[in-house]
Amino acid sequence: MQQFRELPNWLPVRKLYYKKYYSVIRVANFYRRDMIDIPVEFEGEYRIVDRFSDLQKDPKGNTAFASVASIYTNNIDLLTFLSDTYEVKSIETPLNDTHLGYLKDPNRHVIYRDKAWYDKYHHKVRVYETWRHRNSTSPQRPYELMTMFDDLFKKEDSRWQGLGRDHSFLRTHSRYFSYPTIYTNNEPSIMLLKMTCNDVIRIDVETVLTPEFLK
């Protein structure tokens, strides 16, 4: 997809759209829904969404509602056809193969932006204990998990938010307890946490991809 980076309105894709598409091209201007003609060979390869733009003169000189069509797809040939055929307002594709790999990871929510959290951390880990899990574990379990967090996410590579590192009070389980949000650059520890505790707690990971991170 490197060829699309040469287009003046290219941007690195900021997220996975509709949990499926890692590219989107926005083309204009259309005054009827049937004005955009996508060949039948691409059927099933895209999702199209119209968005009202403004009032403009149509090809006959009449004032009409103009719209921009956003086509979400992973098909490079379709992107090429659309960019060669229509006026491109913007196009978003992965920056490189590393970016694409993160986007295609089903266990990770990925966003692209210029800065990491606190200008430093690229991963945010949120942990939840559901009622089903809570009722099936011993009162000591939160303390045991927090002790594991101590070992996995140290001050050198992580920052905790919502709960400090002193968790001795958790020797007695409280129903109002909530786990900290952890900002970290320690990706191996995230993987180890998932492998060890995925059946006990719910673990959501969000990753910020920056240009520096993707080099």
N, C-alpha and C. Protein backbone atom coordinates (compact mmCIF):
# COMPACT_ATOMS: atom_id res chain seq x y z
N MET A 1 0.81 -1.21 0.00
CA MET A 1 0.00 0.00 0.00
C MET A 1 0.85 1.27 0.00
N GLN A 2 2.13 1.11 -0.16
CA GLN A 2 3.02 2.26 -0.10
C GLN A 2 2.72 3.29 -1.19
N GLN A 3 2.16 2.83 -2.34
CA GLN A 3 1.91 3.76 -3.44
C GLN A 3 0.91 4.84 -3.08
N PHE A 4 0.00 4.56 -2.16
CA PHE A 4 -1.02 5.54 -1.80
C PHE A 4 -0.46 6.68 -0.96
N ARG A 5 0.71 6.48 -0.38
CA ARG A 5 1.32 7.54 0.43
C ARG A 5 1.74 8.73 -0.42
N GLU A 6 1.81 8.53 -1.74
CA GLU A 6 2.18 9.62 -2.64
C GLU A 6 1.02 10.56 -2.92
N LEU A 7 -0.19 10.14 -2.60
CA LEU A 7 -1.35 11.01 -2.83
C LEU A 7 -1.35 12.17 -1.84
N PRO A 8 -1.74 13.38 -2.29
CA PRO A 8 -1.66 14.57 -1.43
C PRO A 8 -2.55 14.51 -0.20
N ASN A 9 -3.63 13.74 -0.25
CA ASN A 9 -4.57 13.68 0.87
C ASN A 9 -4.44 12.39 1.68
N TRP A 10 -3.27 11.75 1.60
CA TRP A 10 -3.05 10.49 2.33
C TRP A 10 -2.79 10.76 3.81
N LEU A 11 -3.34 9.87 4.66
CA LEU A 11 -3.08 9.87 6.09
C LEU A 11 -2.91 8.44 6.57
N PRO A 12 -2.11 8.20 7.60
CA PRO A 12 -2.06 6.86 8.19
C PRO A 12 -3.38 6.54 8.86
N VAL A 13 -3.89 5.35 8.62
CA VAL A 13 -5.20 4.98 9.19
C VAL A 13 -5.12 5.01 10.71
N ARG A 14 -6.14 5.56 11.35
CA ARG A 14 -6.10 5.80 12.79
C ARG A 14 -6.66 4.65 13.61
N LYS A 15 -7.42 3.76 12.97
CA LYS A 15 -8.00 2.64 13.72
C LYS A 15 -8.53 1.62 12.72
N LEU A 16 -9.00 0.49 13.24
CA LEU A 16 -9.64 -0.52 12.42
C LEU A 16 -11.13 -0.18 12.34
N TYR A 17 -11.61 0.09 11.13
CA TYR A 17 -13.00 0.51 10.97
C TYR A 17 -13.93 -0.71 10.93
N TYR A 18 -15.02 -0.59 11.69
CA TYR A 18 -16.03 -1.64 11.73
C TYR A 18 -15.42 -3.00 12.09
N LYS A 19 -14.34 -2.96 12.86
CA LYS A 19 -13.64 -4.17 13.32
C LYS A 19 -13.19 -5.05 12.16
N LYS A 20 -12.98 -4.44 10.99
CA LYS A 20 -12.68 -5.24 9.81
C LYS A 20 -11.76 -4.55 8.81
N TYR A 21 -12.01 -3.26 8.55
CA TYR A 21 -11.33 -2.60 7.44
C TYR A 21 -10.17 -1.72 7.94
N TYR A 22 -9.02 -1.88 7.29
CA TYR A 22 -7.87 -1.06 7.66
C TYR A 22 -7.50 -0.04 6.59
N SER A 23 -8.42 0.24 5.69
CA SER A 23 -8.23 1.31 4.71
C SER A 23 -9.58 1.97 4.43
N VAL A 24 -9.54 3.28 4.16
CA VAL A 24 -10.75 3.99 3.77
C VAL A 24 -10.36 5.09 2.79
N ILE A 25 -11.17 5.24 1.74
CA ILE A 25 -10.96 6.31 0.77
C ILE A 25 -12.27 7.10 0.68
N ARG A 26 -12.14 8.41 0.72
CA ARG A 26 -13.32 9.29 0.65
C ARG A 26 -13.26 10.04 -0.67
N VAL A 27 -14.32 9.85 -1.48
CA VAL A 27 -14.34 10.45 -2.81
C VAL A 27 -15.59 11.30 -2.97
N ALA A 28 -15.52 12.31 -3.84
CA ALA A 28 -16.61 13.27 -4.03
C ALA A 28 -16.53 13.80 -5.47
N ASN A 29 -17.49 14.66 -5.85
CA ASN A 29 -18.74 15.01 -5.19
C ASN A 29 -19.86 14.26 -5.90
N PHE A 30 -20.86 13.83 -5.15
CA PHE A 30 -21.95 13.05 -5.73
C PHE A 30 -23.28 13.72 -5.39
N TYR A 31 -24.16 13.74 -6.39
CA TYR A 31 -25.47 14.37 -6.23
C TYR A 31 -26.60 13.35 -6.27
N ARG A 32 -26.27 12.13 -6.60
CA ARG A 32 -27.21 11.01 -6.52
C ARG A 32 -26.42 9.80 -6.03
N ARG A 33 -27.08 8.92 -5.31
CA ARG A 33 -26.38 7.77 -4.74
C ARG A 33 -25.79 6.87 -5.83
N ASP A 34 -26.43 6.83 -7.01
CA ASP A 34 -25.95 5.93 -8.05
C ASP A 34 -24.85 6.54 -8.90
N MET A 35 -24.36 7.73 -8.53
CA MET A 35 -23.31 8.36 -9.33
C MET A 35 -21.96 7.66 -9.16
N ILE A 36 -21.74 6.99 -8.04
CA ILE A 36 -20.51 6.24 -7.86
C ILE A 36 -20.74 4.82 -8.37
N ASP A 37 -19.88 4.39 -9.25
CA ASP A 37 -20.05 3.10 -9.92
C ASP A 37 -18.86 2.22 -9.60
N ILE A 38 -19.07 1.24 -8.72
CA ILE A 38 -18.00 0.31 -8.33
C ILE A 38 -18.21 -1.00 -9.08
N PRO A 39 -17.21 -1.47 -9.81
CA PRO A 39 -17.37 -2.71 -10.59
C PRO A 39 -17.83 -3.88 -9.74
N VAL A 40 -18.61 -4.74 -10.37
CA VAL A 40 -19.21 -5.87 -9.67
C VAL A 40 -18.16 -6.83 -9.13
N GLU A 41 -16.97 -6.83 -9.72
CA GLU A 41 -15.91 -7.75 -9.27
C GLU A 41 -15.48 -7.47 -7.83
N PHE A 42 -15.81 -6.26 -7.32
CA PHE A 42 -15.44 -5.92 -5.96
C PHE A 42 -16.58 -6.13 -4.96
N GLU A 43 -17.65 -6.73 -5.41
CA GLU A 43 -18.80 -6.98 -4.54
C GLU A 43 -18.36 -7.79 -3.31
N GLY A 44 -18.78 -7.33 -2.14
CA GLY A 44 -18.42 -8.00 -0.90
C GLY A 44 -17.08 -7.61 -0.33
N GLU A 45 -16.36 -6.73 -1.04
CA GLU A 45 -15.02 -6.33 -0.62
C GLU A 45 -14.99 -4.96 0.05
N TYR A 46 -16.15 -4.36 0.27
CA TYR A 46 -16.14 -3.00 0.79
C TYR A 46 -17.44 -2.69 1.52
N ARG A 47 -17.42 -1.56 2.21
CA ARG A 47 -18.62 -0.98 2.82
C ARG A 47 -18.61 0.50 2.46
N ILE A 48 -19.74 1.01 1.99
CA ILE A 48 -19.81 2.41 1.56
C ILE A 48 -20.79 3.18 2.44
N VAL A 49 -20.37 4.37 2.83
CA VAL A 49 -21.17 5.25 3.67
C VAL A 49 -21.16 6.64 3.05
N ASP A 50 -22.35 7.20 2.82
CA ASP A 50 -22.48 8.56 2.28
C ASP A 50 -22.55 9.57 3.42
N ARG A 51 -21.92 10.72 3.21
CA ARG A 51 -21.98 11.80 4.19
C ARG A 51 -22.25 13.11 3.46
N PHE A 52 -23.26 13.84 3.90
CA PHE A 52 -23.58 15.13 3.29
C PHE A 52 -22.42 16.09 3.43
N SER A 53 -22.09 16.78 2.35
CA SER A 53 -21.00 17.74 2.36
C SER A 53 -21.54 19.17 2.43
N ASP A 54 -22.13 19.66 1.33
CA ASP A 54 -22.71 20.99 1.31
C ASP A 54 -23.53 21.16 0.03
N LEU A 55 -24.08 22.35 -0.14
CA LEU A 55 -24.81 22.66 -1.36
C LEU A 55 -23.83 23.16 -2.42
N GLN A 56 -23.93 22.55 -3.62
CA GLN A 56 -23.05 22.94 -4.71
C GLN A 56 -23.82 22.88 -6.02
N LYS A 57 -23.19 23.39 -7.07
CA LYS A 57 -23.78 23.30 -8.41
C LYS A 57 -23.48 21.92 -8.98
N ASP A 58 -24.55 21.24 -9.42
CA ASP A 58 -24.34 19.94 -10.04
C ASP A 58 -23.91 20.13 -11.50
N PRO A 59 -23.62 19.04 -12.22
CA PRO A 59 -23.15 19.18 -13.61
C PRO A 59 -24.09 19.96 -14.53
N LYS A 60 -25.38 20.06 -14.16
CA LYS A 60 -26.34 20.80 -14.98
C LYS A 60 -26.50 22.24 -14.52
N GLY A 61 -25.73 22.64 -13.53
CA GLY A 61 -25.80 24.01 -13.05
C GLY A 61 -26.85 24.25 -11.99
N ASN A 62 -27.50 23.21 -11.53
CA ASN A 62 -28.52 23.34 -10.50
C ASN A 62 -27.88 23.20 -9.11
N THR A 63 -28.41 23.96 -8.16
CA THR A 63 -27.94 23.82 -6.79
C THR A 63 -28.48 22.52 -6.22
N ALA A 64 -27.56 21.70 -5.69
CA ALA A 64 -27.97 20.38 -5.20
C ALA A 64 -27.13 20.00 -3.99
N PHE A 65 -27.65 19.05 -3.23
CA PHE A 65 -26.89 18.53 -2.10
C PHE A 65 -25.76 17.65 -2.62
N ALA A 66 -24.55 17.97 -2.21
CA ALA A 66 -23.39 17.17 -2.58
C ALA A 66 -22.99 16.30 -1.40
N SER A 67 -22.49 15.13 -1.70
CA SER A 67 -22.08 14.22 -0.62
C SER A 67 -20.72 13.61 -0.93
N VAL A 68 -20.08 13.16 0.12
CA VAL A 68 -18.81 12.46 0.03
C VAL A 68 -19.07 10.99 0.35
N ALA A 69 -18.54 10.10 -0.46
CA ALA A 69 -18.71 8.67 -0.23
C ALA A 69 -17.44 8.13 0.41
N SER A 70 -17.60 7.49 1.56
CA SER A 70 -16.49 6.83 2.24
C SER A 70 -16.57 5.35 1.94
N ILE A 71 -15.53 4.82 1.33
CA ILE A 71 -15.49 3.39 0.99
C ILE A 71 -14.44 2.72 1.85
N TYR A 72 -14.90 1.82 2.70
CA TYR A 72 -14.00 1.08 3.59
C TYR A 72 -13.68 -0.26 2.94
N THR A 73 -12.40 -0.59 2.86
CA THR A 73 -12.01 -1.81 2.15
C THR A 73 -10.59 -2.22 2.55
N ASN A 74 -10.25 -3.47 2.25
CA ASN A 74 -8.88 -3.94 2.39
C ASN A 74 -8.31 -4.34 1.04
N ASN A 75 -9.06 -4.04 -0.02
CA ASN A 75 -8.69 -4.45 -1.37
C ASN A 75 -7.87 -3.35 -2.05
N ILE A 76 -6.63 -3.63 -2.32
CA ILE A 76 -5.74 -2.64 -2.93
C ILE A 76 -6.21 -2.27 -4.34
N ASP A 77 -6.68 -3.25 -5.10
CA ASP A 77 -7.15 -2.96 -6.46
C ASP A 77 -8.35 -2.02 -6.45
N LEU A 78 -9.23 -2.17 -5.48
CA LEU A 78 -10.37 -1.26 -5.38
C LEU A 78 -9.91 0.14 -5.01
N LEU A 79 -8.97 0.26 -4.09
CA LEU A 79 -8.43 1.57 -3.75
C LEU A 79 -7.81 2.24 -4.97
N THR A 80 -7.10 1.46 -5.75
CA THR A 80 -6.46 2.00 -6.96
C THR A 80 -7.50 2.47 -7.96
N PHE A 81 -8.55 1.66 -8.17
CA PHE A 81 -9.62 2.05 -9.09
C PHE A 81 -10.28 3.34 -8.65
N LEU A 82 -10.61 3.46 -7.38
CA LEU A 82 -11.30 4.65 -6.88
C LEU A 82 -10.42 5.89 -6.96
N SER A 83 -9.14 5.75 -6.62
CA SER A 83 -8.24 6.91 -6.65
C SER A 83 -7.97 7.37 -8.07
N ASP A 84 -8.04 6.45 -9.04
CA ASP A 84 -7.82 6.80 -10.46
C ASP A 84 -9.09 7.36 -11.11
N THR A 85 -10.26 7.06 -10.53
CA THR A 85 -11.53 7.37 -11.20
C THR A 85 -12.21 8.60 -10.64
N TYR A 86 -12.08 8.84 -9.33
CA TYR A 86 -12.85 9.90 -8.68
C TYR A 86 -11.94 10.90 -7.98
N GLU A 87 -12.56 12.01 -7.59
CA GLU A 87 -11.84 13.04 -6.83
C GLU A 87 -11.63 12.54 -5.40
N VAL A 88 -10.39 12.42 -5.01
CA VAL A 88 -10.07 11.88 -3.69
C VAL A 88 -10.00 13.01 -2.67
N LYS A 89 -10.89 12.97 -1.70
CA LYS A 89 -10.87 13.93 -0.61
C LYS A 89 -9.85 13.53 0.45
N SER A 90 -9.78 12.26 0.74
CA SER A 90 -8.78 11.75 1.67
C SER A 90 -8.68 10.25 1.50
N ILE A 91 -7.55 9.71 1.92
CA ILE A 91 -7.36 8.27 1.89
C ILE A 91 -6.50 7.88 3.09
N GLU A 92 -6.89 6.82 3.76
CA GLU A 92 -6.16 6.33 4.92
C GLU A 92 -5.77 4.87 4.68
N THR A 93 -4.49 4.57 4.84
CA THR A 93 -3.99 3.20 4.75
C THR A 93 -2.94 3.00 5.84
N PRO A 94 -2.54 1.75 6.12
CA PRO A 94 -1.49 1.54 7.11
C PRO A 94 -0.18 2.20 6.70
N LEU A 95 0.55 2.67 7.69
CA LEU A 95 1.84 3.33 7.44
C LEU A 95 2.87 2.35 6.91
N ASN A 96 2.88 1.15 7.48
CA ASN A 96 3.83 0.12 7.06
C ASN A 96 3.33 -1.24 7.54
N ASP A 97 4.13 -2.28 7.35
CA ASP A 97 3.71 -3.63 7.73
C ASP A 97 3.55 -3.77 9.24
N THR A 98 4.35 -3.06 10.00
CA THR A 98 4.22 -3.11 11.46
C THR A 98 2.86 -2.56 11.89
N HIS A 99 2.49 -1.43 11.32
CA HIS A 99 1.18 -0.82 11.58
C HIS A 99 0.06 -1.80 11.22
N LEU A 100 0.18 -2.43 10.06
CA LEU A 100 -0.85 -3.37 9.60
C LEU A 100 -0.95 -4.56 10.55
N GLY A 101 0.19 -5.05 11.02
CA GLY A 101 0.17 -6.18 11.94
C GLY A 101 -0.57 -5.89 13.22
N TYR A 102 -0.37 -4.70 13.78
CA TYR A 102 -1.09 -4.31 14.99
C TYR A 102 -2.59 -4.19 14.72
N LEU A 103 -2.95 -3.62 13.58
CA LEU A 103 -4.36 -3.44 13.25
C LEU A 103 -5.08 -4.78 13.10
N LYS A 104 -4.39 -5.79 12.61
CA LYS A 104 -5.00 -7.09 12.35
C LYS A 104 -5.02 -7.99 13.57
N ASP A 105 -4.42 -7.55 14.67
CA ASP A 105 -4.41 -8.33 15.90
C ASP A 105 -5.81 -8.27 16.53
N PRO A 106 -6.54 -9.38 16.60
CA PRO A 106 -7.92 -9.35 17.09
C PRO A 106 -8.02 -9.09 18.59
N ASN A 107 -6.92 -9.21 19.30
CA ASN A 107 -6.95 -9.04 20.76
C ASN A 107 -6.49 -7.67 21.21
N ARG A 108 -6.43 -6.74 20.28
CA ARG A 108 -5.88 -5.43 20.62
C ARG A 108 -6.70 -4.33 19.94
N HIS A 109 -6.97 -3.28 20.71
CA HIS A 109 -7.60 -2.09 20.15
C HIS A 109 -6.49 -1.09 19.84
N VAL A 110 -6.39 -0.67 18.58
CA VAL A 110 -5.27 0.17 18.12
C VAL A 110 -5.78 1.52 17.65
N ILE A 111 -5.08 2.58 18.04
CA ILE A 111 -5.34 3.91 17.51
C ILE A 111 -4.01 4.52 17.08
N TYR A 112 -4.07 5.42 16.13
CA TYR A 112 -2.86 6.09 15.64
C TYR A 112 -2.97 7.57 15.99
N ARG A 113 -1.94 8.10 16.60
CA ARG A 113 -1.90 9.52 16.87
C ARG A 113 -0.45 9.97 17.01
N ASP A 114 -0.22 11.24 17.18
CA ASP A 114 1.14 11.78 17.16
C ASP A 114 1.90 11.54 18.45
N LYS A 115 1.19 11.41 19.57
CA LYS A 115 1.87 11.28 20.86
C LYS A 115 1.37 10.06 21.62
N ALA A 116 2.26 9.48 22.40
CA ALA A 116 1.88 8.38 23.29
C ALA A 116 1.26 8.95 24.56
N TRP A 117 0.69 8.08 25.41
CA TRP A 117 0.15 8.55 26.68
C TRP A 117 1.28 9.09 27.55
N TYR A 118 1.04 10.26 28.11
CA TYR A 118 2.05 10.93 28.94
C TYR A 118 3.37 11.11 28.17
N ASP A 119 3.25 11.18 26.83
CA ASP A 119 4.42 11.33 25.95
C ASP A 119 5.42 10.20 26.12
N LYS A 120 4.97 9.05 26.60
CA LYS A 120 5.92 8.00 26.93
C LYS A 120 5.40 6.58 26.70
N TYR A 121 4.15 6.31 27.10
CA TYR A 121 3.66 4.94 27.14
C TYR A 121 2.78 4.63 25.93
N HIS A 122 2.99 3.44 25.35
CA HIS A 122 2.27 3.07 24.13
C HIS A 122 1.15 2.06 24.36
N HIS A 123 1.06 1.49 25.55
CA HIS A 123 0.02 0.50 25.82
C HIS A 123 -0.74 0.88 27.08
N LYS A 124 -2.05 0.75 27.02
CA LYS A 124 -2.91 0.97 28.18
C LYS A 124 -3.65 -0.33 28.49
N VAL A 125 -3.48 -0.80 29.70
CA VAL A 125 -4.08 -2.06 30.13
C VAL A 125 -5.16 -1.77 31.16
N ARG A 126 -6.37 -2.19 30.87
CA ARG A 126 -7.48 -2.04 31.82
C ARG A 126 -7.97 -3.43 32.21
N VAL A 127 -8.14 -3.62 33.49
CA VAL A 127 -8.49 -4.93 34.03
C VAL A 127 -9.82 -4.83 34.74
N TYR A 128 -10.70 -5.80 34.48
CA TYR A 128 -12.02 -5.83 35.09
C TYR A 128 -12.26 -7.21 35.69
N GLU A 129 -12.89 -7.22 36.84
CA GLU A 129 -13.30 -8.48 37.45
C GLU A 129 -14.82 -8.55 37.37
N THR A 130 -15.32 -9.47 36.59
CA THR A 130 -16.77 -9.58 36.43
C THR A 130 -17.38 -10.24 37.66
N TRP A 131 -18.70 -10.09 37.80
CA TRP A 131 -19.38 -10.72 38.94
C TRP A 131 -19.22 -12.23 38.90
N ARG A 132 -19.20 -12.80 37.71
CA ARG A 132 -19.03 -14.26 37.60
C ARG A 132 -17.67 -14.66 38.15
N HIS A 133 -16.64 -13.93 37.74
CA HIS A 133 -15.30 -14.24 38.23
C HIS A 133 -15.18 -13.95 39.73
N ARG A 134 -15.77 -12.85 40.14
CA ARG A 134 -15.64 -12.45 41.54
C ARG A 134 -16.27 -13.47 42.48
N ASN A 135 -17.39 -14.02 42.10
CA ASN A 135 -18.07 -14.99 42.96
C ASN A 135 -17.38 -16.35 42.97
N SER A 136 -16.48 -16.57 42.01
CA SER A 136 -15.85 -17.88 41.91
C SER A 136 -14.41 -17.89 42.43
N THR A 137 -13.94 -16.77 42.96
CA THR A 137 -12.56 -16.70 43.44
C THR A 137 -12.53 -16.46 44.93
N SER A 138 -11.38 -16.75 45.51
CA SER A 138 -11.24 -16.58 46.95
C SER A 138 -11.05 -15.11 47.29
N PRO A 139 -11.30 -14.72 48.54
CA PRO A 139 -11.10 -13.32 48.95
C PRO A 139 -9.66 -12.86 48.76
N GLN A 140 -8.71 -13.79 48.68
CA GLN A 140 -7.31 -13.42 48.54
C GLN A 140 -6.94 -13.11 47.09
N ARG A 141 -7.80 -13.46 46.15
CA ARG A 141 -7.41 -13.35 44.74
C ARG A 141 -7.00 -11.94 44.33
N PRO A 142 -7.72 -10.86 44.66
CA PRO A 142 -7.26 -9.53 44.24
C PRO A 142 -5.85 -9.21 44.75
N TYR A 143 -5.55 -9.58 45.97
CA TYR A 143 -4.21 -9.33 46.51
C TYR A 143 -3.17 -10.12 45.72
N GLU A 144 -3.47 -11.36 45.38
CA GLU A 144 -2.54 -12.18 44.61
C GLU A 144 -2.30 -11.58 43.23
N LEU A 145 -3.37 -11.08 42.60
CA LEU A 145 -3.23 -10.49 41.27
C LEU A 145 -2.42 -9.21 41.32
N MET A 146 -2.67 -8.39 42.34
CA MET A 146 -1.91 -7.15 42.45
C MET A 146 -0.44 -7.42 42.72
N THR A 147 -0.14 -8.46 43.45
CA THR A 147 1.26 -8.85 43.65
C THR A 147 1.89 -9.26 42.33
N MET A 148 1.12 -9.92 41.48
CA MET A 148 1.60 -10.25 40.15
C MET A 148 1.84 -8.99 39.33
N PHE A 149 0.93 -8.01 39.44
CA PHE A 149 1.13 -6.74 38.74
C PHE A 149 2.45 -6.09 39.17
N ASP A 150 2.78 -6.18 40.47
CA ASP A 150 4.04 -5.63 40.97
C ASP A 150 5.22 -6.21 40.22
N ASP A 151 5.17 -7.52 40.00
CA ASP A 151 6.28 -8.20 39.33
C ASP A 151 6.35 -7.90 37.84
N LEU A 152 5.16 -7.73 37.23
CA LEU A 152 5.12 -7.57 35.78
C LEU A 152 5.34 -6.12 35.32
N PHE A 153 4.75 -5.17 36.06
CA PHE A 153 4.76 -3.78 35.60
C PHE A 153 5.46 -2.90 36.64
N LYS A 154 6.74 -2.75 36.47
CA LYS A 154 7.57 -2.01 37.43
C LYS A 154 7.62 -0.53 37.08
N LYS A 155 8.08 0.27 38.01
CA LYS A 155 8.13 1.72 37.82
C LYS A 155 9.00 2.10 36.62
N GLU A 156 9.97 1.28 36.31
CA GLU A 156 10.89 1.61 35.21
C GLU A 156 10.20 1.64 33.86
N ASP A 157 9.12 0.87 33.69
CA ASP A 157 8.48 0.81 32.37
C ASP A 157 6.97 1.01 32.41
N SER A 158 6.42 1.34 33.57
CA SER A 158 4.96 1.41 33.68
C SER A 158 4.52 2.50 34.64
N ARG A 159 3.30 2.94 34.45
CA ARG A 159 2.68 3.92 35.34
C ARG A 159 1.28 3.43 35.68
N TRP A 160 0.95 3.46 36.97
CA TRP A 160 -0.36 3.01 37.42
C TRP A 160 -1.26 4.21 37.66
N GLN A 161 -2.56 4.02 37.40
CA GLN A 161 -3.53 5.09 37.65
C GLN A 161 -4.77 4.48 38.30
N GLY A 162 -5.23 5.12 39.37
CA GLY A 162 -6.45 4.67 40.03
C GLY A 162 -6.23 3.89 41.29
N LEU A 163 -5.04 3.30 41.42
CA LEU A 163 -4.70 2.56 42.62
C LEU A 163 -3.19 2.53 42.76
N GLY A 164 -2.70 2.89 43.95
CA GLY A 164 -1.26 2.90 44.16
C GLY A 164 -0.69 1.51 44.29
N ARG A 165 0.61 1.45 44.48
CA ARG A 165 1.29 0.16 44.57
C ARG A 165 1.22 -0.45 45.97
N ASP A 166 0.69 0.29 46.92
CA ASP A 166 0.47 -0.27 48.25
C ASP A 166 -0.93 -0.88 48.29
N HIS A 167 -1.03 -2.16 48.22
CA HIS A 167 -2.33 -2.83 48.18
C HIS A 167 -2.47 -3.87 49.29
N SER A 168 -1.81 -3.63 50.40
CA SER A 168 -1.91 -4.57 51.53
C SER A 168 -3.34 -4.68 52.05
N PHE A 169 -4.13 -3.61 51.87
CA PHE A 169 -5.51 -3.63 52.35
C PHE A 169 -6.36 -4.67 51.61
N LEU A 170 -5.84 -5.18 50.49
CA LEU A 170 -6.62 -6.12 49.70
C LEU A 170 -6.56 -7.55 50.22
N ARG A 171 -5.92 -7.74 51.35
CA ARG A 171 -5.92 -9.08 51.93
C ARG A 171 -7.35 -9.52 52.26
N THR A 172 -8.24 -8.54 52.45
CA THR A 172 -9.66 -8.81 52.59
C THR A 172 -10.37 -8.22 51.38
N HIS A 173 -11.04 -9.05 50.63
CA HIS A 173 -11.67 -8.63 49.37
C HIS A 173 -12.78 -7.60 49.66
N SER A 174 -12.80 -6.53 48.87
CA SER A 174 -13.87 -5.55 48.96
C SER A 174 -14.65 -5.54 47.65
N ARG A 175 -15.96 -5.50 47.73
CA ARG A 175 -16.78 -5.49 46.52
C ARG A 175 -16.62 -4.20 45.75
N TYR A 176 -16.10 -3.15 46.39
CA TYR A 176 -15.93 -1.86 45.74
C TYR A 176 -14.53 -1.68 45.16
N PHE A 177 -13.74 -2.70 45.25
CA PHE A 177 -12.37 -2.62 44.72
C PHE A 177 -12.39 -2.62 43.20
N SER A 178 -11.50 -1.82 42.59
CA SER A 178 -11.31 -1.86 41.14
C SER A 178 -9.82 -1.85 40.85
N TYR A 179 -9.44 -2.55 39.82
CA TYR A 179 -8.03 -2.67 39.48
C TYR A 179 -7.52 -1.38 38.84
N PRO A 180 -6.21 -1.12 38.92
CA PRO A 180 -5.67 0.09 38.32
C PRO A 180 -5.62 0.00 36.80
N THR A 181 -5.62 1.15 36.17
CA THR A 181 -5.27 1.23 34.75
C THR A 181 -3.76 1.36 34.67
N ILE A 182 -3.16 0.57 33.81
CA ILE A 182 -1.70 0.54 33.73
C ILE A 182 -1.27 1.03 32.36
N TYR A 183 -0.43 2.04 32.35
CA TYR A 183 0.21 2.53 31.13
C TYR A 183 1.62 1.94 31.12
N THR A 184 1.99 1.33 30.01
CA THR A 184 3.25 0.60 30.01
C THR A 184 3.87 0.52 28.62
N ASN A 185 5.15 0.24 28.59
CA ASN A 185 5.85 -0.09 27.35
C ASN A 185 6.33 -1.53 27.38
N ASN A 186 5.91 -2.28 28.39
CA ASN A 186 6.35 -3.65 28.58
C ASN A 186 5.36 -4.61 27.94
N GLU A 187 5.51 -4.82 26.66
CA GLU A 187 4.57 -5.67 25.93
C GLU A 187 4.68 -7.14 26.32
N PRO A 188 5.88 -7.69 26.56
CA PRO A 188 5.95 -9.09 27.00
C PRO A 188 5.17 -9.36 28.28
N SER A 189 5.17 -8.38 29.21
CA SER A 189 4.41 -8.57 30.45
C SER A 189 2.91 -8.58 30.20
N ILE A 190 2.46 -7.79 29.21
CA ILE A 190 1.04 -7.82 28.85
C ILE A 190 0.65 -9.21 28.36
N MET A 191 1.50 -9.78 27.50
CA MET A 191 1.21 -11.10 26.97
C MET A 191 1.20 -12.15 28.08
N LEU A 192 2.14 -12.04 29.02
CA LEU A 192 2.20 -12.99 30.12
C LEU A 192 0.97 -12.86 31.02
N LEU A 193 0.53 -11.63 31.25
CA LEU A 193 -0.68 -11.41 32.05
C LEU A 193 -1.88 -12.07 31.40
N LYS A 194 -2.01 -11.93 30.10
CA LYS A 194 -3.13 -12.53 29.39
C LYS A 194 -3.08 -14.06 29.47
N MET A 195 -1.90 -14.61 29.29
CA MET A 195 -1.76 -16.06 29.31
C MET A 195 -2.08 -16.62 30.69
N THR A 196 -1.75 -15.86 31.73
CA THR A 196 -1.91 -16.35 33.09
C THR A 196 -3.30 -16.12 33.65
N CYS A 197 -3.91 -14.99 33.31
CA CYS A 197 -5.12 -14.57 34.03
C CYS A 197 -6.35 -14.36 33.15
N ASN A 198 -6.29 -14.71 31.90
CA ASN A 198 -7.41 -14.41 31.01
C ASN A 198 -8.70 -15.11 31.43
N ASP A 199 -8.59 -16.24 32.14
CA ASP A 199 -9.79 -16.96 32.57
C ASP A 199 -10.29 -16.48 33.93
N VAL A 200 -9.58 -15.53 34.53
CA VAL A 200 -9.94 -15.03 35.86
C VAL A 200 -10.46 -13.61 35.80
N ILE A 201 -9.86 -12.77 34.97
CA ILE A 201 -10.24 -11.38 34.85
C ILE A 201 -10.33 -11.01 33.37
N ARG A 202 -11.03 -9.93 33.08
CA ARG A 202 -11.11 -9.43 31.72
C ARG A 202 -10.02 -8.39 31.52
N ILE A 203 -9.26 -8.55 30.47
CA ILE A 203 -8.11 -7.68 30.21
C ILE A 203 -8.30 -7.02 28.86
N ASP A 204 -8.40 -5.69 28.85
CA ASP A 204 -8.51 -4.92 27.61
C ASP A 204 -7.22 -4.15 27.38
N VAL A 205 -6.67 -4.27 26.18
CA VAL A 205 -5.42 -3.59 25.86
C VAL A 205 -5.66 -2.63 24.70
N GLU A 206 -5.25 -1.40 24.89
CA GLU A 206 -5.31 -0.39 23.84
C GLU A 206 -3.89 0.07 23.55
N THR A 207 -3.54 0.12 22.28
CA THR A 207 -2.19 0.49 21.88
C THR A 207 -2.22 1.75 21.03
N VAL A 208 -1.40 2.73 21.41
CA VAL A 208 -1.23 3.93 20.61
C VAL A 208 -0.01 3.75 19.70
N LEU A 209 -0.24 3.91 18.42
CA LEU A 209 0.85 3.83 17.45
C LEU A 209 1.22 5.23 17.02
N THR A 210 2.47 5.58 17.17
CA THR A 210 2.98 6.88 16.76
C THR A 210 4.00 6.68 15.63
N PRO A 211 4.31 7.72 14.87
CA PRO A 211 5.31 7.57 13.81
C PRO A 211 6.64 7.04 14.33
N GLU A 212 7.06 7.50 15.49
CA GLU A 212 8.33 7.06 16.07
C GLU A 212 8.27 5.58 16.44
N PHE A 213 7.15 5.16 17.01
CA PHE A 213 6.98 3.78 17.44
C PHE A 213 7.00 2.82 16.25
N LEU A 214 6.52 3.25 15.11
CA LEU A 214 6.37 2.39 13.94
C LEU A 214 7.61 2.37 13.04
N LYS A 215 8.63 3.11 13.39
CA LYS A 215 9.84 3.12 12.55
C LYS A 215 10.53 1.75 12.59
